[in-house]
């Protein structure tokens, strides 16, 4: 098996970073909050396996469709921020990190073959 093209490799790494940072964030949230089972935590928990699956798909089968699926997961992960009147400093940090993760995934979606 040969290594995937650079855009797919960077997108796979970005999805692994998203899964890792979401795991750390959800662990901190569960440790801090007395009642952590909210819709936001469920969205974050669902983001982790979806990110891992997309990372594997991008690494093993680097196609535009798989990069598009990864972009959908990145967008889905932003659902947990809620409405603007509920935003905090942590929300802006989540949005900034998600935007940084989305850059290599968007690059892969734009340059990989269909």
C-alpha atoms as a PDB file:
ATOM      1  CA  UNK A   1       0.000   0.000   0.000  1.00  0.00           C
ATOM      2  CA  UNK A   2       1.370   3.389  -0.934  1.00  0.00           C
ATOM      3  CA  UNK A   3       1.033   6.552   1.089  1.00  0.00           C
ATOM      4  CA  UNK A   4      -1.961   8.754   0.245  1.00  0.00           C
ATOM      5  CA  UNK A   5      -1.469  12.107  -1.468  1.00  0.00           C
ATOM      6  CA  UNK A   6      -0.529  15.007   0.784  1.00  0.00           C
ATOM      7  CA  UNK A   7      -3.998  16.601   0.905  1.00  0.00           C
ATOM      8  CA  UNK A   8      -5.563  13.317   2.019  1.00  0.00           C
ATOM      9  CA  UNK A   9      -2.817  12.677   4.574  1.00  0.00           C
ATOM     10  CA  UNK A  10      -3.173  16.143   6.080  1.00  0.00           C
ATOM     11  CA  UNK A  11      -6.969  15.831   6.099  1.00  0.00           C
ATOM     12  CA  UNK A  12      -6.732  12.453   7.858  1.00  0.00           C
ATOM     13  CA  UNK A  13      -4.406  13.952  10.449  1.00  0.00           C
ATOM     14  CA  UNK A  14      -6.801  16.882  10.908  1.00  0.00           C
ATOM     15  CA  UNK A  15      -9.678  14.479  11.530  1.00  0.00           C
ATOM     16  CA  UNK A  16      -7.571  12.611  14.099  1.00  0.00           C
ATOM     17  CA  UNK A  17      -6.822  15.948  15.768  1.00  0.00           C
ATOM     18  CA  UNK A  18     -10.540  16.755  15.818  1.00  0.00           C
ATOM     19  CA  UNK A  19     -11.303  13.389  17.430  1.00  0.00           C
ATOM     20  CA  UNK A  20      -8.509  13.818  19.979  1.00  0.00           C
ATOM     21  CA  UNK A  21      -9.385  17.355  20.964  1.00  0.00           C
ATOM     22  CA  UNK A  22     -13.072  16.505  21.163  1.00  0.00           C
ATOM     23  CA  UNK A  23     -12.212  13.552  23.416  1.00  0.00           C
ATOM     24  CA  UNK A  24     -10.201  15.799  25.717  1.00  0.00           C
ATOM     25  CA  UNK A  25     -12.942  18.422  25.719  1.00  0.00           C
ATOM     26  CA  UNK A  26     -15.702  15.946  26.474  1.00  0.00           C
ATOM     27  CA  UNK A  27     -13.643  14.377  29.270  1.00  0.00           C
ATOM     28  CA  UNK A  28     -13.141  17.809  30.821  1.00  0.00           C
ATOM     29  CA  UNK A  29     -16.824  18.607  30.389  1.00  0.00           C
ATOM     30  CA  UNK A  30     -17.871  15.355  32.053  1.00  0.00           C
ATOM     31  CA  UNK A  31     -15.440  15.958  34.934  1.00  0.00           C
ATOM     32  CA  UNK A  32     -16.642  19.523  35.507  1.00  0.00           C
ATOM     33  CA  UNK A  33     -20.397  19.347  34.983  1.00  0.00           C
ATOM     34  CA  UNK A  34     -22.738  17.700  37.504  1.00  0.00           C
ATOM     35  CA  UNK A  35     -25.235  16.675  34.777  1.00  0.00           C
ATOM     36  CA  UNK A  36     -23.188  16.207  31.589  1.00  0.00           C
ATOM     37  CA  UNK A  37     -25.755  14.303  29.522  1.00  0.00           C
ATOM     38  CA  UNK A  38     -27.042  17.051  27.268  1.00  0.00           C
ATOM     39  CA  UNK A  39     -27.610  17.216  23.537  1.00  0.00           C
ATOM     40  CA  UNK A  40     -24.292  19.042  23.218  1.00  0.00           C
ATOM     41  CA  UNK A  41     -22.359  16.230  24.838  1.00  0.00           C
ATOM     42  CA  UNK A  42     -24.127  13.702  22.614  1.00  0.00           C
ATOM     43  CA  UNK A  43     -23.121  15.665  19.514  1.00  0.00           C
ATOM     44  CA  UNK A  44     -19.518  15.747  20.759  1.00  0.00           C
ATOM     45  CA  UNK A  45     -19.592  12.028  21.548  1.00  0.00           C
ATOM     46  CA  UNK A  46     -20.935  11.270  18.061  1.00  0.00           C
ATOM     47  CA  UNK A  47     -18.250  13.451  16.479  1.00  0.00           C
ATOM     48  CA  UNK A  48     -15.438  11.286  17.837  1.00  0.00           C
ATOM     49  CA  UNK A  49     -16.185   8.004  16.003  1.00  0.00           C
ATOM     50  CA  UNK A  50     -17.315   9.837  12.867  1.00  0.00           C
ATOM     51  CA  UNK A  51     -13.974  11.688  12.794  1.00  0.00           C
ATOM     52  CA  UNK A  52     -12.031   8.460  13.234  1.00  0.00           C
ATOM     53  CA  UNK A  53     -13.955   6.760  10.438  1.00  0.00           C
ATOM     54  CA  UNK A  54     -13.388   9.707   8.102  1.00  0.00           C
ATOM     55  CA  UNK A  55      -9.674   9.730   8.942  1.00  0.00           C
ATOM     56  CA  UNK A  56      -9.444   6.064   8.028  1.00  0.00           C
ATOM     57  CA  UNK A  57     -11.398   6.574   4.818  1.00  0.00           C
ATOM     58  CA  UNK A  58      -9.232   9.502   3.771  1.00  0.00           C
ATOM     59  CA  UNK A  59      -6.056   7.569   4.460  1.00  0.00           C
ATOM     60  CA  UNK A  60      -7.130   4.320   2.823  1.00  0.00           C
ATOM     61  CA  UNK A  61      -9.321   5.661  -0.005  1.00  0.00           C
ATOM     62  CA  UNK A  62      -8.420   9.309  -0.681  1.00  0.00           C
ATOM     63  CA  UNK A  63     -11.347  10.554  -2.746  1.00  0.00           C
ATOM     64  CA  UNK A  64     -13.263  13.794  -2.967  1.00  0.00           C
ATOM     65  CA  UNK A  65     -16.363  12.070  -1.611  1.00  0.00           C
ATOM     66  CA  UNK A  66     -14.565  10.938   1.531  1.00  0.00           C
ATOM     67  CA  UNK A  67     -13.182  14.438   2.032  1.00  0.00           C
ATOM     68  CA  UNK A  68     -16.715  15.787   1.606  1.00  0.00           C
ATOM     69  CA  UNK A  69     -17.946  13.362   4.249  1.00  0.00           C
ATOM     70  CA  UNK A  70     -15.183  14.595   6.537  1.00  0.00           C
ATOM     71  CA  UNK A  71     -16.313  18.187   5.937  1.00  0.00           C
ATOM     72  CA  UNK A  72     -19.831  17.161   6.930  1.00  0.00           C
ATOM     73  CA  UNK A  73     -18.464  15.735  10.180  1.00  0.00           C
ATOM     74  CA  UNK A  74     -16.578  18.968  10.840  1.00  0.00           C
ATOM     75  CA  UNK A  75     -19.770  20.931  10.229  1.00  0.00           C
ATOM     76  CA  UNK A  76     -21.787  18.543  12.386  1.00  0.00           C
ATOM     77  CA  UNK A  77     -19.323  19.044  15.225  1.00  0.00           C
ATOM     78  CA  UNK A  78     -20.188  22.749  15.234  1.00  0.00           C
ATOM     79  CA  UNK A  79     -23.813  21.984  16.085  1.00  0.00           C
ATOM     80  CA  UNK A  80     -22.780  21.667  19.724  1.00  0.00           C
ATOM     81  CA  UNK A  81     -22.013  25.384  20.043  1.00  0.00           C
ATOM     82  CA  UNK A  82     -25.712  26.247  20.125  1.00  0.00           C
ATOM     83  CA  UNK A  83     -27.304  29.586  19.426  1.00  0.00           C
ATOM     84  CA  UNK A  84     -25.331  32.860  19.576  1.00  0.00           C
ATOM     85  CA  UNK A  85     -26.975  34.043  22.797  1.00  0.00           C
ATOM     86  CA  UNK A  86     -25.492  30.992  24.589  1.00  0.00           C
ATOM     87  CA  UNK A  87     -21.907  31.462  23.403  1.00  0.00           C
ATOM     88  CA  UNK A  88     -19.013  31.767  25.837  1.00  0.00           C
ATOM     89  CA  UNK A  89     -15.267  32.109  25.436  1.00  0.00           C
ATOM     90  CA  UNK A  90     -15.039  28.336  25.108  1.00  0.00           C
ATOM     91  CA  UNK A  91     -17.415  28.529  22.158  1.00  0.00           C
ATOM     92  CA  UNK A  92     -15.081  30.855  20.299  1.00  0.00           C
ATOM     93  CA  UNK A  93     -12.160  28.532  21.028  1.00  0.00           C
ATOM     94  CA  UNK A  94     -14.145  25.584  19.656  1.00  0.00           C
ATOM     95  CA  UNK A  95     -15.000  27.557  16.508  1.00  0.00           C
ATOM     96  CA  UNK A  96     -11.373  28.606  15.964  1.00  0.00           C
ATOM     97  CA  UNK A  97     -10.033  25.083  16.395  1.00  0.00           C
ATOM     98  CA  UNK A  98     -12.736  23.692  14.132  1.00  0.00           C
ATOM     99  CA  UNK A  99     -11.887  26.260  11.453  1.00  0.00           C
ATOM    100  CA  UNK A 100      -8.216  25.265  11.635  1.00  0.00           C
ATOM    101  CA  UNK A 101      -9.144  21.596  11.334  1.00  0.00           C
ATOM    102  CA  UNK A 102     -11.418  22.323   8.380  1.00  0.00           C
ATOM    103  CA  UNK A 103      -8.666  23.926   6.281  1.00  0.00           C
ATOM    104  CA  UNK A 104      -6.797  20.723   5.280  1.00  0.00           C
ATOM    105  CA  UNK A 105     -10.092  18.869   4.896  1.00  0.00           C
ATOM    106  CA  UNK A 106     -11.399  21.540   2.512  1.00  0.00           C
ATOM    107  CA  UNK A 107      -8.087  21.412   0.635  1.00  0.00           C
ATOM    108  CA  UNK A 108      -8.513  17.655   0.222  1.00  0.00           C
ATOM    109  CA  UNK A 109     -12.124  18.053  -0.892  1.00  0.00           C
ATOM    110  CA  UNK A 110     -11.024  20.542  -3.503  1.00  0.00           C
ATOM    111  CA  UNK A 111      -7.962  18.739  -4.904  1.00  0.00           C
ATOM    112  CA  UNK A 112      -8.584  14.993  -4.576  1.00  0.00           C
ATOM    113  CA  UNK A 113      -9.967  13.075  -7.532  1.00  0.00           C
ATOM    114  CA  UNK A 114     -13.624  12.001  -7.440  1.00  0.00           C
END
